[in-house]
Amino acid sequence: MSAPKRSSSPTRALPMVAVALAALAAGAFVALRGGGGAASDVAVDTARSTAEAAELETLQATLERSQILPTNFRTVPPFALRDVDGESLSEAVLEGRWSLMFFGYTNCPDVCPLTLSVMKDVVTELERREVEPMQVLFVTVDPVRDTAAKMKEYVAFFDEDFVGVTGELDDIHTLTRELGIVAAFTANDEHPEAYVVDHTAAMLLVDPERRVRAKFSAPHELDTIVADYVAIRTALN
């Protein structure tokens, strides 16, 4: 299976960062022209946003392959899914610690097993460095085939501490849509049960308040992920 193509342009020169800075600067100018009260509050908020944008631009320049995101970019919404034991799993699993969310499926021939294998090594390396590792969540985009039992066996092959997530198809689709995750199903006429799913290969780094703070782009490599994660945690903690 081939993951959707990603832009080959370096993340260090992200257009969205420049646009965000320009927009925020313009907003600050307009707000500061107003009077007190509500206008003053807007000016303060805008100034804070402008400062954050500048800090993120500086941080982005240090990252190898990850894309840093502002605090108001996107928050993981409430969800009602299941873990590998069939127990209810909600957005609370993300609260209070840093997490990495990866969306895929157990029948994936290449991207998913390679990524989970790399993430196993990432967690081991972070622990060796005495850096608190991220919680790893593997969320299936194919819950029809990926039952709780199948997810449990699959995830445990890589790391029993990884959190496998499945649920109803509609609920999975709602979550992926909210987070901008793409999953395209290709039918197999000869073997209907052997369909293929092309899915987003990027991983989402989520902070303890469920805010998506960064995207880790493929190809996923141990040294790159470790370096970017440490840089992000150091800057944002």
C-alpha atoms as a PDB file:
ATOM      1  CA  MET A   1       0.000   0.000   0.000  1.00  0.00           C
ATOM      2  CA  SER A   2       1.269   3.460  -0.797  1.00  0.00           C
ATOM      3  CA  ALA A   3       0.501   6.357   1.504  1.00  0.00           C
ATOM      4  CA  PRO A   4      -0.783   9.638   0.014  1.00  0.00           C
ATOM      5  CA  LYS A   5       2.034  11.724  -1.436  1.00  0.00           C
ATOM      6  CA  ARG A   6       3.450  14.502   0.664  1.00  0.00           C
ATOM      7  CA  SER A   7       5.023  17.733  -0.456  1.00  0.00           C
ATOM      8  CA  SER A   8       8.791  17.512  -0.805  1.00  0.00           C
ATOM      9  CA  SER A   9       9.365  21.124   0.196  1.00  0.00           C
ATOM     10  CA  PRO A  10      11.292  21.611   3.487  1.00  0.00           C
ATOM     11  CA  THR A  11       9.201  22.244   6.552  1.00  0.00           C
ATOM     12  CA  ARG A  12      11.574  24.986   7.595  1.00  0.00           C
ATOM     13  CA  ALA A  13      10.047  27.362   5.047  1.00  0.00           C
ATOM     14  CA  LEU A  14       6.394  26.819   5.695  1.00  0.00           C
ATOM     15  CA  PRO A  15       4.110  29.290   3.938  1.00  0.00           C
ATOM     16  CA  MET A  16       1.480  28.900   6.642  1.00  0.00           C
ATOM     17  CA  VAL A  17       3.880  30.317   9.238  1.00  0.00           C
ATOM     18  CA  ALA A  18       4.532  33.435   7.186  1.00  0.00           C
ATOM     19  CA  VAL A  19       0.844  33.909   6.478  1.00  0.00           C
ATOM     20  CA  ALA A  20      -0.023  33.453  10.137  1.00  0.00           C
ATOM     21  CA  LEU A  21       2.529  36.027  11.192  1.00  0.00           C
ATOM     22  CA  ALA A  22       1.272  38.565   8.650  1.00  0.00           C
ATOM     23  CA  ALA A  23      -2.329  38.060   9.679  1.00  0.00           C
ATOM     24  CA  LEU A  24      -1.536  38.314  13.360  1.00  0.00           C
ATOM     25  CA  ALA A  25       0.496  41.485  12.870  1.00  0.00           C
ATOM     26  CA  ALA A  26      -2.372  43.073  10.946  1.00  0.00           C
ATOM     27  CA  GLY A  27      -4.781  42.077  13.693  1.00  0.00           C
ATOM     28  CA  ALA A  28      -2.571  43.623  16.335  1.00  0.00           C
ATOM     29  CA  PHE A  29      -2.461  46.925  14.442  1.00  0.00           C
ATOM     30  CA  VAL A  30      -6.241  47.090  14.108  1.00  0.00           C
ATOM     31  CA  ALA A  31      -6.822  46.141  17.745  1.00  0.00           C
ATOM     32  CA  LEU A  32      -4.347  48.618  19.120  1.00  0.00           C
ATOM     33  CA  ARG A  33      -6.092  51.466  17.322  1.00  0.00           C
ATOM     34  CA  GLY A  34      -9.233  50.872  19.367  1.00  0.00           C
ATOM     35  CA  GLY A  35     -10.081  52.152  22.817  1.00  0.00           C
ATOM     36  CA  GLY A  36     -10.242  50.360  26.152  1.00  0.00           C
ATOM     37  CA  GLY A  37     -12.536  47.573  27.316  1.00  0.00           C
ATOM     38  CA  ALA A  38     -13.222  44.919  24.701  1.00  0.00           C
ATOM     39  CA  ALA A  39     -10.783  46.498  22.264  1.00  0.00           C
ATOM     40  CA  SER A  40      -8.054  46.365  24.899  1.00  0.00           C
ATOM     41  CA  ASP A  41      -8.751  42.684  25.544  1.00  0.00           C
ATOM     42  CA  VAL A  42      -8.535  41.991  21.833  1.00  0.00           C
ATOM     43  CA  ALA A  43      -5.225  43.820  21.666  1.00  0.00           C
ATOM     44  CA  VAL A  44      -3.807  41.717  24.501  1.00  0.00           C
ATOM     45  CA  ASP A  45      -4.985  38.466  22.943  1.00  0.00           C
ATOM     46  CA  THR A  46      -3.625  39.467  19.562  1.00  0.00           C
ATOM     47  CA  ALA A  47      -0.277  40.431  21.046  1.00  0.00           C
ATOM     48  CA  ARG A  48      -0.048  37.045  22.723  1.00  0.00           C
ATOM     49  CA  SER A  49      -0.903  35.300  19.462  1.00  0.00           C
ATOM     50  CA  THR A  50       1.733  37.324  17.645  1.00  0.00           C
ATOM     51  CA  ALA A  51       4.330  36.402  20.249  1.00  0.00           C
ATOM     52  CA  GLU A  52       3.390  32.724  19.977  1.00  0.00           C
ATOM     53  CA  ALA A  53       3.656  32.841  16.192  1.00  0.00           C
ATOM     54  CA  ALA A  54       7.155  34.301  16.447  1.00  0.00           C
ATOM     55  CA  GLU A  55       8.202  31.629  18.944  1.00  0.00           C
ATOM     56  CA  LEU A  56       6.817  28.860  16.752  1.00  0.00           C
ATOM     57  CA  GLU A  57       8.624  30.217  13.700  1.00  0.00           C
ATOM     58  CA  THR A  58      11.886  30.073  15.637  1.00  0.00           C
ATOM     59  CA  LEU A  59      11.124  26.533  16.807  1.00  0.00           C
ATOM     60  CA  GLN A  60      10.153  25.426  13.292  1.00  0.00           C
ATOM     61  CA  ALA A  61      13.584  26.385  12.004  1.00  0.00           C
ATOM     62  CA  THR A  62      15.161  23.815  14.359  1.00  0.00           C
ATOM     63  CA  LEU A  63      12.983  20.875  13.307  1.00  0.00           C
ATOM     64  CA  GLU A  64      14.117  18.253  10.822  1.00  0.00           C
ATOM     65  CA  ARG A  65      10.852  17.018   9.331  1.00  0.00           C
ATOM     66  CA  SER A  66       8.031  17.925  11.704  1.00  0.00           C
ATOM     67  CA  GLN A  67       5.579  20.795  11.332  1.00  0.00           C
ATOM     68  CA  ILE A  68       4.875  22.770  14.495  1.00  0.00           C
ATOM     69  CA  LEU A  69       1.318  24.053  14.943  1.00  0.00           C
ATOM     70  CA  PRO A  70      -0.238  26.891  17.011  1.00  0.00           C
ATOM     71  CA  THR A  71      -2.278  26.146  20.120  1.00  0.00           C
ATOM     72  CA  ASN A  72      -5.539  27.008  18.359  1.00  0.00           C
ATOM     73  CA  PHE A  73      -4.884  24.841  15.303  1.00  0.00           C
ATOM     74  CA  ARG A  74      -7.021  21.845  16.248  1.00  0.00           C
ATOM     75  CA  THR A  75      -8.108  19.994  19.397  1.00  0.00           C
ATOM     76  CA  VAL A  76      -8.940  16.298  19.478  1.00  0.00           C
ATOM     77  CA  PRO A  77     -12.737  16.269  19.886  1.00  0.00           C
ATOM     78  CA  PRO A  78     -14.692  14.082  22.316  1.00  0.00           C
ATOM     79  CA  PHE A  79     -15.060  10.513  21.049  1.00  0.00           C
ATOM     80  CA  ALA A  80     -16.567   7.208  22.131  1.00  0.00           C
ATOM     81  CA  LEU A  81     -14.450   4.335  20.822  1.00  0.00           C
ATOM     82  CA  ARG A  82     -13.025   1.064  22.220  1.00  0.00           C
ATOM     83  CA  ASP A  83      -9.650  -0.231  23.317  1.00  0.00           C
ATOM     84  CA  VAL A  84      -8.132  -3.618  22.491  1.00  0.00           C
ATOM     85  CA  ASP A  85     -10.053  -5.259  25.337  1.00  0.00           C
ATOM     86  CA  GLY A  86     -13.356  -3.993  23.992  1.00  0.00           C
ATOM     87  CA  GLU A  87     -13.693  -1.465  26.811  1.00  0.00           C
ATOM     88  CA  SER A  88     -14.985   2.059  26.241  1.00  0.00           C
ATOM     89  CA  LEU A  89     -12.308   4.584  25.383  1.00  0.00           C
ATOM     90  CA  SER A  90     -12.829   8.352  25.353  1.00  0.00           C
ATOM     91  CA  GLU A  91     -10.769  11.458  24.703  1.00  0.00           C
ATOM     92  CA  ALA A  92      -9.751  11.327  28.384  1.00  0.00           C
ATOM     93  CA  VAL A  93      -7.002   8.887  27.389  1.00  0.00           C
ATOM     94  CA  LEU A  94      -5.151  11.883  25.904  1.00  0.00           C
ATOM     95  CA  GLU A  95      -5.434  14.198  28.875  1.00  0.00           C
ATOM     96  CA  GLY A  96      -2.514  14.895  31.185  1.00  0.00           C
ATOM     97  CA  ARG A  97       0.303  13.608  28.968  1.00  0.00           C
ATOM     98  CA  TRP A  98       1.838  13.985  25.532  1.00  0.00           C
ATOM     99  CA  SER A  99       0.565  11.507  22.959  1.00  0.00           C
ATOM    100  CA  LEU A 100       1.298  10.532  19.381  1.00  0.00           C
ATOM    101  CA  MET A 101      -1.687   9.479  17.267  1.00  0.00           C
ATOM    102  CA  PHE A 102      -1.137   7.329  14.185  1.00  0.00           C
ATOM    103  CA  PHE A 103      -4.009   6.222  11.964  1.00  0.00           C
ATOM    104  CA  GLY A 104      -3.765   3.021   9.933  1.00  0.00           C
ATOM    105  CA  TYR A 105      -4.976  -0.560   9.756  1.00  0.00           C
ATOM    106  CA  THR A 106      -3.702  -4.046  10.538  1.00  0.00           C
ATOM    107  CA  ASN A 107      -3.795  -5.266   6.918  1.00  0.00           C
ATOM    108  CA  CYS A 108      -1.509  -2.446   5.824  1.00  0.00           C
ATOM    109  CA  PRO A 109       1.405  -4.012   3.929  1.00  0.00           C
ATOM    110  CA  ASP A 110       4.098  -1.441   4.595  1.00  0.00           C
ATOM    111  CA  VAL A 111       3.521   1.979   6.176  1.00  0.00           C
ATOM    112  CA  CYS A 112       1.827   0.833   9.392  1.00  0.00           C
ATOM    113  CA  PRO A 113       4.179  -1.969  10.449  1.00  0.00           C
ATOM    114  CA  LEU A 114       7.222   0.120   9.591  1.00  0.00           C
ATOM    115  CA  THR A 115       5.909   3.134  11.498  1.00  0.00           C
ATOM    116  CA  LEU A 116       4.962   1.177  14.612  1.00  0.00           C
ATOM    117  CA  SER A 117       8.354  -0.535  14.572  1.00  0.00           C
ATOM    118  CA  VAL A 118      10.079   2.850  14.430  1.00  0.00           C
ATOM    119  CA  MET A 119       7.898   4.160  17.246  1.00  0.00           C
ATOM    120  CA  LYS A 120       8.899   1.215  19.421  1.00  0.00           C
ATOM    121  CA  ASP A 121      12.528   2.236  18.913  1.00  0.00           C
ATOM    122  CA  VAL A 122      11.672   5.899  19.536  1.00  0.00           C
ATOM    123  CA  VAL A 123      10.127   5.131  22.927  1.00  0.00           C
ATOM    124  CA  THR A 124      13.112   2.967  23.873  1.00  0.00           C
ATOM    125  CA  GLU A 125      15.569   5.702  22.885  1.00  0.00           C
ATOM    126  CA  LEU A 126      13.681   8.401  24.774  1.00  0.00           C
ATOM    127  CA  GLU A 127      13.642   6.238  27.891  1.00  0.00           C
ATOM    128  CA  ARG A 128      17.377   5.652  27.496  1.00  0.00           C
ATOM    129  CA  ARG A 129      17.871   9.416  27.417  1.00  0.00           C
ATOM    130  CA  GLU A 130      15.601   9.777  30.461  1.00  0.00           C
ATOM    131  CA  VAL A 131      13.137  11.834  28.428  1.00  0.00           C
ATOM    132  CA  GLU A 132       9.473  11.169  29.108  1.00  0.00           C
ATOM    133  CA  PRO A 133       8.234   9.349  25.980  1.00  0.00           C
ATOM    134  CA  MET A 134       4.959  10.095  24.295  1.00  0.00           C
ATOM    135  CA  GLN A 135       1.981   7.767  24.643  1.00  0.00           C
ATOM    136  CA  VAL A 136       1.487   6.018  21.298  1.00  0.00           C
ATOM    137  CA  LEU A 137      -2.059   5.496  20.001  1.00  0.00           C
ATOM    138  CA  PHE A 138      -2.686   3.384  16.912  1.00  0.00           C
ATOM    139  CA  VAL A 139      -6.180   4.198  15.656  1.00  0.00           C
ATOM    140  CA  THR A 140      -7.619   1.934  12.979  1.00  0.00           C
ATOM    141  CA  VAL A 141      -9.268   3.451   9.936  1.00  0.00           C
ATOM    142  CA  ASP A 142     -10.693   0.003   9.111  1.00  0.00           C
ATOM    143  CA  PRO A 143     -12.717  -1.018  12.178  1.00  0.00           C
ATOM    144  CA  VAL A 144     -14.840  -3.469  10.177  1.00  0.00           C
ATOM    145  CA  ARG A 145     -11.883  -5.849   9.905  1.00  0.00           C
ATOM    146  CA  ASP A 146      -9.888  -4.507  12.849  1.00  0.00           C
ATOM    147  CA  THR A 147     -11.841  -5.898  15.781  1.00  0.00           C
ATOM    148  CA  ALA A 148     -10.639  -5.360  19.328  1.00  0.00           C
ATOM    149  CA  ALA A 149      -9.149  -8.854  19.418  1.00  0.00           C
ATOM    150  CA  LYS A 150      -7.278  -8.358  16.149  1.00  0.00           C
ATOM    151  CA  MET A 151      -6.003  -4.955  17.247  1.00  0.00           C
ATOM    152  CA  LYS A 152      -4.803  -6.395  20.541  1.00  0.00           C
ATOM    153  CA  GLU A 153      -2.708  -9.058  18.841  1.00  0.00           C
ATOM    154  CA  TYR A 154      -1.355  -6.648  16.241  1.00  0.00           C
ATOM    155  CA  VAL A 155      -0.388  -3.811  18.597  1.00  0.00           C
ATOM    156  CA  ALA A 156       1.152  -6.163  21.168  1.00  0.00           C
ATOM    157  CA  PHE A 157       3.527  -7.453  18.485  1.00  0.00           C
ATOM    158  CA  PHE A 158       5.200  -4.035  18.520  1.00  0.00           C
ATOM    159  CA  ASP A 159       4.665  -2.848  22.102  1.00  0.00           C
ATOM    160  CA  GLU A 160       2.071  -3.912  24.644  1.00  0.00           C
ATOM    161  CA  ASP A 161       2.053  -0.367  26.017  1.00  0.00           C
ATOM    162  CA  PHE A 162       0.837   1.081  22.731  1.00  0.00           C
ATOM    163  CA  VAL A 163      -2.855   1.973  22.847  1.00  0.00           C
ATOM    164  CA  GLY A 164      -4.874   0.282  20.106  1.00  0.00           C
ATOM    165  CA  VAL A 165      -8.123   2.044  19.220  1.00  0.00           C
ATOM    166  CA  THR A 166     -11.114   0.714  17.283  1.00  0.00           C
ATOM    167  CA  GLY A 167     -14.877   1.308  17.308  1.00  0.00           C
ATOM    168  CA  GLU A 168     -17.850   1.852  15.046  1.00  0.00           C
ATOM    169  CA  LEU A 169     -17.069   2.885  11.477  1.00  0.00           C
ATOM    170  CA  ASP A 170     -19.133   6.091  11.662  1.00  0.00           C
ATOM    171  CA  ASP A 171     -17.415   7.136  14.898  1.00  0.00           C
ATOM    172  CA  ILE A 172     -13.976   6.486  13.409  1.00  0.00           C
ATOM    173  CA  HIS A 173     -14.879   8.511  10.322  1.00  0.00           C
ATOM    174  CA  THR A 174     -16.065  11.397  12.492  1.00  0.00           C
ATOM    175  CA  LEU A 175     -12.758  11.475  14.367  1.00  0.00           C
ATOM    176  CA  THR A 176     -10.607  11.252  11.235  1.00  0.00           C
ATOM    177  CA  ARG A 177     -12.623  13.983   9.541  1.00  0.00           C
ATOM    178  CA  GLU A 178     -12.240  16.303  12.544  1.00  0.00           C
ATOM    179  CA  LEU A 179      -8.483  15.737  12.591  1.00  0.00           C
ATOM    180  CA  GLY A 180      -7.926  16.013   8.848  1.00  0.00           C
ATOM    181  CA  ILE A 181      -6.955  12.359   8.425  1.00  0.00           C
ATOM    182  CA  VAL A 182      -7.626  10.894   4.978  1.00  0.00           C
ATOM    183  CA  ALA A 183      -8.595   7.256   4.388  1.00  0.00           C
ATOM    184  CA  ALA A 184      -9.524   6.104   0.857  1.00  0.00           C
ATOM    185  CA  PHE A 185     -10.860   2.581   0.319  1.00  0.00           C
ATOM    186  CA  THR A 186     -10.069   0.674  -2.901  1.00  0.00           C
ATOM    187  CA  ALA A 187     -12.329  -2.293  -3.636  1.00  0.00           C
ATOM    188  CA  ASN A 188     -11.083  -5.730  -4.671  1.00  0.00           C
ATOM    189  CA  ASP A 189     -13.637  -7.240  -7.060  1.00  0.00           C
ATOM    190  CA  GLU A 190     -12.222 -10.766  -6.851  1.00  0.00           C
ATOM    191  CA  HIS A 191     -11.821 -10.757  -3.073  1.00  0.00           C
ATOM    192  CA  PRO A 192     -14.176  -8.159  -1.537  1.00  0.00           C
ATOM    193  CA  GLU A 193     -12.766  -8.706   1.951  1.00  0.00           C
ATOM    194  CA  ALA A 194      -9.239  -7.880   0.757  1.00  0.00           C
ATOM    195  CA  TYR A 195      -9.791  -4.189  -0.006  1.00  0.00           C
ATOM    196  CA  VAL A 196      -6.926  -1.739   0.430  1.00  0.00           C
ATOM    197  CA  VAL A 197      -6.973   1.514   2.399  1.00  0.00           C
ATOM    198  CA  ASP A 198      -4.746   4.436   1.428  1.00  0.00           C
ATOM    199  CA  HIS A 199      -4.373   6.626   4.496  1.00  0.00           C
ATOM    200  CA  THR A 200      -2.522   9.625   5.866  1.00  0.00           C
ATOM    201  CA  ALA A 201       0.980   8.618   6.895  1.00  0.00           C
ATOM    202  CA  ALA A 202       1.657  11.631   9.116  1.00  0.00           C
ATOM    203  CA  MET A 203       1.471  11.230  12.892  1.00  0.00           C
ATOM    204  CA  LEU A 204      -0.121  13.820  15.175  1.00  0.00           C
ATOM    205  CA  LEU A 205       1.603  14.996  18.342  1.00  0.00           C
ATOM    206  CA  VAL A 206      -1.039  15.920  20.937  1.00  0.00           C
ATOM    207  CA  ASP A 207      -0.311  17.887  24.097  1.00  0.00           C
ATOM    208  CA  PRO A 208      -1.788  17.157  27.572  1.00  0.00           C
ATOM    209  CA  GLU A 209      -4.734  19.452  26.782  1.00  0.00           C
ATOM    210  CA  ARG A 210      -5.634  17.429  23.654  1.00  0.00           C
ATOM    211  CA  ARG A 211      -4.337  20.123  21.311  1.00  0.00           C
ATOM    212  CA  VAL A 212      -2.616  18.960  18.119  1.00  0.00           C
ATOM    213  CA  ARG A 213       0.772  20.679  18.343  1.00  0.00           C
ATOM    214  CA  ALA A 214       2.773  19.050  15.559  1.00  0.00           C
ATOM    215  CA  LYS A 215       2.680  16.717  12.584  1.00  0.00           C
ATOM    216  CA  PHE A 216       5.455  14.179  12.078  1.00  0.00           C
ATOM    217  CA  SER A 217       5.728  13.584   8.329  1.00  0.00           C
ATOM    218  CA  ALA A 218       6.820  10.390   6.581  1.00  0.00           C
ATOM    219  CA  PRO A 219       9.242   8.819   6.050  1.00  0.00           C
ATOM    220  CA  HIS A 220       9.432   8.163   9.779  1.00  0.00           C
ATOM    221  CA  GLU A 221      12.965   7.707  11.070  1.00  0.00           C
ATOM    222  CA  LEU A 222      14.195   7.126  14.604  1.00  0.00           C
ATOM    223  CA  ASP A 223      16.778   9.906  14.890  1.00  0.00           C
ATOM    224  CA  THR A 224      14.555  12.508  13.234  1.00  0.00           C
ATOM    225  CA  ILE A 225      11.522  11.811  15.418  1.00  0.00           C
ATOM    226  CA  VAL A 226      13.567  11.751  18.618  1.00  0.00           C
ATOM    227  CA  ALA A 227      15.340  15.023  17.794  1.00  0.00           C
ATOM    228  CA  ASP A 228      12.144  16.831  16.829  1.00  0.00           C
ATOM    229  CA  TYR A 229      10.185  15.520  19.810  1.00  0.00           C
ATOM    230  CA  VAL A 230      12.875  16.586  22.269  1.00  0.00           C
ATOM    231  CA  ALA A 231      13.073  20.035  20.648  1.00  0.00           C
ATOM    232  CA  ILE A 232       9.296  20.469  20.798  1.00  0.00           C
ATOM    233  CA  ARG A 233       8.984  19.291  24.383  1.00  0.00           C
ATOM    234  CA  THR A 234      11.858  21.524  25.478  1.00  0.00           C
ATOM    235  CA  ALA A 235      10.351  24.573  23.785  1.00  0.00           C
ATOM    236  CA  LEU A 236       6.720  24.062  24.757  1.00  0.00           C
ATOM    237  CA  ASN A 237       7.061  22.823  28.340  1.00  0.00           C
END
